[in-house]
């Protein structure tokens, strides 16, 4: 699905807010809306966001033609190369830097589909995420919310961060919801804002990670 913030920016409407993420250079919803006001599509929006982030983070990444080059730590470079293939074409854009875990978030589009890649700068490992993740206050987990009316998994997922990997830890099915976003209330609780199919009214719930409604991923 499109990131809700990208989708809203391209359509020039306000998304459900998802503030408070612990990201080193995260653009606000208002900034993304302004940057992408004239964007032709989600890929164009991503490239406009990248231009803004490259100015904010000049030593983190650079663009050379169709290649996005991101510096690793302590040394090395990770390269994401755009493809114009009519069937398997893909575009990459620098989206955010999560300084709490020394990771870079790359926005990827393929046709009308979009996702994110989390790049760990310490080991060049890459993890595909369905939506823009939210980093927990203790920097131990990420949350993703893949909920929309069509072409979404209707899944809220918790990802466990370790020094060597990122793994899906918990999932919760949000069937019947049309849209949702989440932010961390604390290290063990998600605050979720959502709307249900057939209604424009938004509701809110809180879900502790210890709640038995979560399904643990083996």
C-alpha atoms as a PDB file:
ATOM      1  CA  UNK A   1       0.000   0.000   0.000  1.00  0.00           C
ATOM      2  CA  UNK A   2       1.010   3.629  -0.157  1.00  0.00           C
ATOM      3  CA  UNK A   3       2.302   5.135   3.056  1.00  0.00           C
ATOM      4  CA  UNK A   4      -0.709   6.976   4.480  1.00  0.00           C
ATOM      5  CA  UNK A   5       1.404  10.126   4.698  1.00  0.00           C
ATOM      6  CA  UNK A   6       2.452   9.832   1.039  1.00  0.00           C
ATOM      7  CA  UNK A   7      -1.069   9.033  -0.102  1.00  0.00           C
ATOM      8  CA  UNK A   8      -2.482  12.014   1.763  1.00  0.00           C
ATOM      9  CA  UNK A   9       0.209  14.340   0.487  1.00  0.00           C
ATOM     10  CA  UNK A  10      -0.339  13.331  -3.123  1.00  0.00           C
ATOM     11  CA  UNK A  11      -4.082  13.795  -2.759  1.00  0.00           C
ATOM     12  CA  UNK A  12      -3.601  17.032  -0.756  1.00  0.00           C
ATOM     13  CA  UNK A  13      -5.654  15.837   2.184  1.00  0.00           C
ATOM     14  CA  UNK A  14      -4.892  15.310   5.884  1.00  0.00           C
ATOM     15  CA  UNK A  15      -3.952  11.791   7.026  1.00  0.00           C
ATOM     16  CA  UNK A  16      -4.648  10.199  10.362  1.00  0.00           C
ATOM     17  CA  UNK A  17      -1.802  11.546  12.449  1.00  0.00           C
ATOM     18  CA  UNK A  18       1.050   9.339  13.559  1.00  0.00           C
ATOM     19  CA  UNK A  19       3.286  11.686  15.559  1.00  0.00           C
ATOM     20  CA  UNK A  20       5.927  10.943  18.117  1.00  0.00           C
ATOM     21  CA  UNK A  21       8.110   8.499  16.241  1.00  0.00           C
ATOM     22  CA  UNK A  22      11.690   8.458  17.456  1.00  0.00           C
ATOM     23  CA  UNK A  23      13.327   9.297  14.127  1.00  0.00           C
ATOM     24  CA  UNK A  24      16.351  11.471  13.638  1.00  0.00           C
ATOM     25  CA  UNK A  25      15.141  13.410  10.620  1.00  0.00           C
ATOM     26  CA  UNK A  26      11.479  12.620  10.302  1.00  0.00           C
ATOM     27  CA  UNK A  27       9.499  15.149   8.325  1.00  0.00           C
ATOM     28  CA  UNK A  28       6.187  16.207   9.796  1.00  0.00           C
ATOM     29  CA  UNK A  29       2.901  15.544   8.018  1.00  0.00           C
ATOM     30  CA  UNK A  30       2.691  19.256   7.218  1.00  0.00           C
ATOM     31  CA  UNK A  31       6.188  19.264   5.701  1.00  0.00           C
ATOM     32  CA  UNK A  32       5.431  16.231   3.540  1.00  0.00           C
ATOM     33  CA  UNK A  33       2.164  17.813   2.450  1.00  0.00           C
ATOM     34  CA  UNK A  34       3.990  20.972   1.396  1.00  0.00           C
ATOM     35  CA  UNK A  35       6.850  19.123  -0.310  1.00  0.00           C
ATOM     36  CA  UNK A  36       4.530  16.813  -2.246  1.00  0.00           C
ATOM     37  CA  UNK A  37       1.753  19.284  -3.025  1.00  0.00           C
ATOM     38  CA  UNK A  38       2.605  19.212  -6.732  1.00  0.00           C
ATOM     39  CA  UNK A  39       3.771  15.592  -6.923  1.00  0.00           C
ATOM     40  CA  UNK A  40       2.553  13.627  -9.928  1.00  0.00           C
ATOM     41  CA  UNK A  41       2.418  10.314  -8.038  1.00  0.00           C
ATOM     42  CA  UNK A  42       3.826   8.507  -5.024  1.00  0.00           C
ATOM     43  CA  UNK A  43       7.215   7.868  -6.671  1.00  0.00           C
ATOM     44  CA  UNK A  44       7.567  11.569  -7.466  1.00  0.00           C
ATOM     45  CA  UNK A  45       6.599  12.419  -3.888  1.00  0.00           C
ATOM     46  CA  UNK A  46       9.292  10.067  -2.637  1.00  0.00           C
ATOM     47  CA  UNK A  47      11.924  11.735  -4.781  1.00  0.00           C
ATOM     48  CA  UNK A  48      10.860  15.186  -3.548  1.00  0.00           C
ATOM     49  CA  UNK A  49      11.120  13.982   0.053  1.00  0.00           C
ATOM     50  CA  UNK A  50      14.562  12.591  -0.739  1.00  0.00           C
ATOM     51  CA  UNK A  51      15.736  15.978  -2.019  1.00  0.00           C
ATOM     52  CA  UNK A  52      14.680  17.572   1.269  1.00  0.00           C
ATOM     53  CA  UNK A  53      16.326  14.858   3.350  1.00  0.00           C
ATOM     54  CA  UNK A  54      19.604  15.001   1.431  1.00  0.00           C
ATOM     55  CA  UNK A  55      19.866  18.641   2.471  1.00  0.00           C
ATOM     56  CA  UNK A  56      19.192  17.731   6.093  1.00  0.00           C
ATOM     57  CA  UNK A  57      21.544  14.742   6.054  1.00  0.00           C
ATOM     58  CA  UNK A  58      24.360  15.663   3.651  1.00  0.00           C
ATOM     59  CA  UNK A  59      26.833  13.103   4.994  1.00  0.00           C
ATOM     60  CA  UNK A  60      24.395  10.208   5.095  1.00  0.00           C
ATOM     61  CA  UNK A  61      23.541   9.701   1.440  1.00  0.00           C
ATOM     62  CA  UNK A  62      23.912  11.041  -2.075  1.00  0.00           C
ATOM     63  CA  UNK A  63      22.270  10.496  -5.430  1.00  0.00           C
ATOM     64  CA  UNK A  64      24.171   9.758  -8.611  1.00  0.00           C
ATOM     65  CA  UNK A  65      21.715   9.458 -11.490  1.00  0.00           C
ATOM     66  CA  UNK A  66      19.507   6.440 -10.866  1.00  0.00           C
ATOM     67  CA  UNK A  67      21.582   5.274  -7.883  1.00  0.00           C
ATOM     68  CA  UNK A  68      20.905   6.192  -4.250  1.00  0.00           C
ATOM     69  CA  UNK A  69      24.099   5.654  -2.258  1.00  0.00           C
ATOM     70  CA  UNK A  70      23.897   5.445   1.539  1.00  0.00           C
ATOM     71  CA  UNK A  71      26.958   5.459   3.780  1.00  0.00           C
ATOM     72  CA  UNK A  72      27.390   2.528   6.145  1.00  0.00           C
ATOM     73  CA  UNK A  73      29.024   2.645   9.577  1.00  0.00           C
ATOM     74  CA  UNK A  74      31.894   2.547  10.195  1.00  0.00           C
ATOM     75  CA  UNK A  75      32.664   2.274   6.486  1.00  0.00           C
ATOM     76  CA  UNK A  76      31.197   1.202   3.169  1.00  0.00           C
ATOM     77  CA  UNK A  77      28.300   2.167   0.930  1.00  0.00           C
ATOM     78  CA  UNK A  78      24.907   0.567   0.244  1.00  0.00           C
ATOM     79  CA  UNK A  79      23.485   1.259  -3.201  1.00  0.00           C
ATOM     80  CA  UNK A  80      19.845   1.214  -4.287  1.00  0.00           C
ATOM     81  CA  UNK A  81      19.520   1.418  -8.074  1.00  0.00           C
ATOM     82  CA  UNK A  82      16.302   2.449  -9.817  1.00  0.00           C
ATOM     83  CA  UNK A  83      15.047   0.250 -12.638  1.00  0.00           C
ATOM     84  CA  UNK A  84      12.964   1.439 -15.593  1.00  0.00           C
ATOM     85  CA  UNK A  85      11.942  -2.070 -16.575  1.00  0.00           C
ATOM     86  CA  UNK A  86       8.286  -1.898 -17.752  1.00  0.00           C
ATOM     87  CA  UNK A  87       7.405  -5.064 -15.793  1.00  0.00           C
ATOM     88  CA  UNK A  88       9.744  -5.099 -12.799  1.00  0.00           C
ATOM     89  CA  UNK A  89      10.620  -1.407 -12.611  1.00  0.00           C
ATOM     90  CA  UNK A  90      11.342   0.002  -9.171  1.00  0.00           C
ATOM     91  CA  UNK A  91      12.195   3.429  -7.761  1.00  0.00           C
ATOM     92  CA  UNK A  92      14.034   4.109  -4.479  1.00  0.00           C
ATOM     93  CA  UNK A  93      14.076   7.300  -2.415  1.00  0.00           C
ATOM     94  CA  UNK A  94      15.727   8.282   0.860  1.00  0.00           C
ATOM     95  CA  UNK A  95      12.899   8.736   3.368  1.00  0.00           C
ATOM     96  CA  UNK A  96      14.216   8.935   6.927  1.00  0.00           C
ATOM     97  CA  UNK A  97      17.087   8.259   9.309  1.00  0.00           C
ATOM     98  CA  UNK A  98      16.330   6.423  12.558  1.00  0.00           C
ATOM     99  CA  UNK A  99      19.229   7.526  14.715  1.00  0.00           C
ATOM    100  CA  UNK A 100      18.019   5.461  17.683  1.00  0.00           C
ATOM    101  CA  UNK A 101      18.988   2.256  15.857  1.00  0.00           C
ATOM    102  CA  UNK A 102      21.416   3.696  13.280  1.00  0.00           C
ATOM    103  CA  UNK A 103      19.179   2.689  10.388  1.00  0.00           C
ATOM    104  CA  UNK A 104      17.984   4.323   7.179  1.00  0.00           C
ATOM    105  CA  UNK A 105      14.468   4.070   5.808  1.00  0.00           C
ATOM    106  CA  UNK A 106      14.202   3.865   2.023  1.00  0.00           C
ATOM    107  CA  UNK A 107      10.881   4.383   0.227  1.00  0.00           C
ATOM    108  CA  UNK A 108      10.331   2.049  -2.724  1.00  0.00           C
ATOM    109  CA  UNK A 109       7.663   2.132  -5.413  1.00  0.00           C
ATOM    110  CA  UNK A 110       6.856  -0.416  -8.110  1.00  0.00           C
ATOM    111  CA  UNK A 111       3.974   0.675 -10.296  1.00  0.00           C
ATOM    112  CA  UNK A 112       1.122   1.564  -7.978  1.00  0.00           C
ATOM    113  CA  UNK A 113       2.609  -0.422  -5.083  1.00  0.00           C
ATOM    114  CA  UNK A 114       4.843   1.039  -2.397  1.00  0.00           C
ATOM    115  CA  UNK A 115       6.811  -0.272   0.558  1.00  0.00           C
ATOM    116  CA  UNK A 116       9.774   0.583   2.739  1.00  0.00           C
ATOM    117  CA  UNK A 117      13.209  -0.963   3.149  1.00  0.00           C
ATOM    118  CA  UNK A 118      14.982  -0.634   6.478  1.00  0.00           C
ATOM    119  CA  UNK A 119      18.754  -0.582   6.020  1.00  0.00           C
ATOM    120  CA  UNK A 120      20.882  -1.338   9.085  1.00  0.00           C
ATOM    121  CA  UNK A 121      24.026   0.736   8.643  1.00  0.00           C
ATOM    122  CA  UNK A 122      26.165  -1.460  10.896  1.00  0.00           C
ATOM    123  CA  UNK A 123      25.857  -4.617   8.782  1.00  0.00           C
ATOM    124  CA  UNK A 124      24.177  -3.602   5.464  1.00  0.00           C
ATOM    125  CA  UNK A 125      21.225  -5.877   6.163  1.00  0.00           C
ATOM    126  CA  UNK A 126      17.931  -4.902   4.548  1.00  0.00           C
ATOM    127  CA  UNK A 127      14.402  -5.644   5.712  1.00  0.00           C
ATOM    128  CA  UNK A 128      11.243  -5.105   3.689  1.00  0.00           C
ATOM    129  CA  UNK A 129       8.400  -3.427   5.587  1.00  0.00           C
ATOM    130  CA  UNK A 130       4.888  -2.828   4.257  1.00  0.00           C
ATOM    131  CA  UNK A 131       4.499   0.670   5.704  1.00  0.00           C
ATOM    132  CA  UNK A 132       6.453   3.400   7.445  1.00  0.00           C
ATOM    133  CA  UNK A 133       7.529   1.957  10.834  1.00  0.00           C
ATOM    134  CA  UNK A 134       7.252   3.613  14.227  1.00  0.00           C
ATOM    135  CA  UNK A 135      10.189   3.148  16.610  1.00  0.00           C
ATOM    136  CA  UNK A 136       9.340   2.379  20.234  1.00  0.00           C
ATOM    137  CA  UNK A 137      10.620   4.691  22.998  1.00  0.00           C
ATOM    138  CA  UNK A 138      13.035   2.038  24.268  1.00  0.00           C
ATOM    139  CA  UNK A 139      14.340   1.430  20.727  1.00  0.00           C
ATOM    140  CA  UNK A 140      13.644  -2.284  21.014  1.00  0.00           C
ATOM    141  CA  UNK A 141      10.741  -2.616  18.571  1.00  0.00           C
ATOM    142  CA  UNK A 142       9.137  -1.244  15.435  1.00  0.00           C
ATOM    143  CA  UNK A 143       5.422  -1.141  14.680  1.00  0.00           C
ATOM    144  CA  UNK A 144       3.904  -1.242  11.186  1.00  0.00           C
ATOM    145  CA  UNK A 145       0.246  -0.752  10.301  1.00  0.00           C
ATOM    146  CA  UNK A 146      -0.767  -2.183   6.928  1.00  0.00           C
ATOM    147  CA  UNK A 147      -4.453  -1.258   6.962  1.00  0.00           C
ATOM    148  CA  UNK A 148      -6.397   0.280   4.081  1.00  0.00           C
ATOM    149  CA  UNK A 149      -9.518  -0.448   2.049  1.00  0.00           C
ATOM    150  CA  UNK A 150      -7.841  -2.451  -0.719  1.00  0.00           C
ATOM    151  CA  UNK A 151      -4.552  -4.277  -1.356  1.00  0.00           C
ATOM    152  CA  UNK A 152      -3.492  -4.329   2.310  1.00  0.00           C
ATOM    153  CA  UNK A 153      -2.909  -7.216   4.698  1.00  0.00           C
ATOM    154  CA  UNK A 154      -5.103  -5.625   7.416  1.00  0.00           C
ATOM    155  CA  UNK A 155      -2.251  -6.441   9.773  1.00  0.00           C
ATOM    156  CA  UNK A 156      -0.660  -4.501  12.621  1.00  0.00           C
ATOM    157  CA  UNK A 157       2.773  -5.963  13.312  1.00  0.00           C
ATOM    158  CA  UNK A 158       5.436  -5.601  15.971  1.00  0.00           C
ATOM    159  CA  UNK A 159       9.036  -6.184  14.921  1.00  0.00           C
ATOM    160  CA  UNK A 160      11.774  -7.024  17.414  1.00  0.00           C
ATOM    161  CA  UNK A 161      15.120  -5.275  16.920  1.00  0.00           C
ATOM    162  CA  UNK A 162      18.317  -7.124  17.832  1.00  0.00           C
ATOM    163  CA  UNK A 163      21.946  -6.216  17.130  1.00  0.00           C
ATOM    164  CA  UNK A 164      22.019  -8.675  14.240  1.00  0.00           C
ATOM    165  CA  UNK A 165      18.491  -8.791  12.863  1.00  0.00           C
ATOM    166  CA  UNK A 166      14.918  -7.587  12.677  1.00  0.00           C
ATOM    167  CA  UNK A 167      12.154 -10.167  13.075  1.00  0.00           C
ATOM    168  CA  UNK A 168       8.379 -10.045  13.190  1.00  0.00           C
ATOM    169  CA  UNK A 169       7.343 -10.782  16.754  1.00  0.00           C
ATOM    170  CA  UNK A 170       3.597 -10.083  17.074  1.00  0.00           C
ATOM    171  CA  UNK A 171       0.686  -9.569  14.668  1.00  0.00           C
ATOM    172  CA  UNK A 172      -2.877  -8.412  15.172  1.00  0.00           C
ATOM    173  CA  UNK A 173      -5.596  -8.709  12.530  1.00  0.00           C
ATOM    174  CA  UNK A 174      -7.568  -5.504  11.881  1.00  0.00           C
ATOM    175  CA  UNK A 175     -10.233  -6.970   9.625  1.00  0.00           C
ATOM    176  CA  UNK A 176     -13.155  -4.602   9.088  1.00  0.00           C
ATOM    177  CA  UNK A 177     -11.049  -1.476   9.386  1.00  0.00           C
ATOM    178  CA  UNK A 178     -10.689   0.919   6.456  1.00  0.00           C
ATOM    179  CA  UNK A 179      -7.626   2.813   7.705  1.00  0.00           C
ATOM    180  CA  UNK A 180      -5.402   3.000  10.763  1.00  0.00           C
ATOM    181  CA  UNK A 181      -2.245   4.534  12.174  1.00  0.00           C
ATOM    182  CA  UNK A 182      -0.407   3.859  15.417  1.00  0.00           C
ATOM    183  CA  UNK A 183       2.006   5.555  17.750  1.00  0.00           C
ATOM    184  CA  UNK A 184       3.736   4.295  20.864  1.00  0.00           C
ATOM    185  CA  UNK A 185       2.168   5.444  24.137  1.00  0.00           C
ATOM    186  CA  UNK A 186       5.039   3.773  25.963  1.00  0.00           C
ATOM    187  CA  UNK A 187       7.454   0.918  25.306  1.00  0.00           C
ATOM    188  CA  UNK A 188       4.736  -1.686  25.907  1.00  0.00           C
ATOM    189  CA  UNK A 189       1.615   0.009  24.542  1.00  0.00           C
ATOM    190  CA  UNK A 190       0.402   1.074  21.102  1.00  0.00           C
ATOM    191  CA  UNK A 191      -2.190   3.824  20.690  1.00  0.00           C
ATOM    192  CA  UNK A 192      -4.124   3.108  17.508  1.00  0.00           C
ATOM    193  CA  UNK A 193      -6.378   5.496  15.593  1.00  0.00           C
ATOM    194  CA  UNK A 194      -8.652   3.832  13.051  1.00  0.00           C
ATOM    195  CA  UNK A 195     -11.773   4.083  10.923  1.00  0.00           C
ATOM    196  CA  UNK A 196     -14.053   1.190  10.055  1.00  0.00           C
ATOM    197  CA  UNK A 197     -15.436   0.217   6.667  1.00  0.00           C
ATOM    198  CA  UNK A 198     -18.454   2.335   5.757  1.00  0.00           C
ATOM    199  CA  UNK A 199     -17.775   5.080   8.325  1.00  0.00           C
ATOM    200  CA  UNK A 200     -15.806   8.320   8.260  1.00  0.00           C
ATOM    201  CA  UNK A 201     -15.651   8.604  12.052  1.00  0.00           C
ATOM    202  CA  UNK A 202     -12.324   7.773  13.678  1.00  0.00           C
ATOM    203  CA  UNK A 203     -11.952   5.654  16.787  1.00  0.00           C
ATOM    204  CA  UNK A 204      -9.020   5.078  19.124  1.00  0.00           C
ATOM    205  CA  UNK A 205      -7.878   2.095  21.158  1.00  0.00           C
ATOM    206  CA  UNK A 206      -4.807   1.159  23.155  1.00  0.00           C
ATOM    207  CA  UNK A 207      -3.240  -2.262  22.830  1.00  0.00           C
ATOM    208  CA  UNK A 208      -0.594  -3.513  25.262  1.00  0.00           C
ATOM    209  CA  UNK A 209       1.938  -5.953  23.864  1.00  0.00           C
ATOM    210  CA  UNK A 210       0.932  -8.377  26.595  1.00  0.00           C
ATOM    211  CA  UNK A 211      -2.681  -8.402  25.373  1.00  0.00           C
ATOM    212  CA  UNK A 212      -3.695 -11.973  24.434  1.00  0.00           C
ATOM    213  CA  UNK A 213      -5.302 -10.760  21.186  1.00  0.00           C
ATOM    214  CA  UNK A 214      -1.821 -10.507  19.654  1.00  0.00           C
ATOM    215  CA  UNK A 215      -0.636 -13.551  17.738  1.00  0.00           C
ATOM    216  CA  UNK A 216       2.967 -14.426  18.421  1.00  0.00           C
ATOM    217  CA  UNK A 217       5.057 -15.206  15.342  1.00  0.00           C
ATOM    218  CA  UNK A 218       7.179 -18.311  15.763  1.00  0.00           C
END
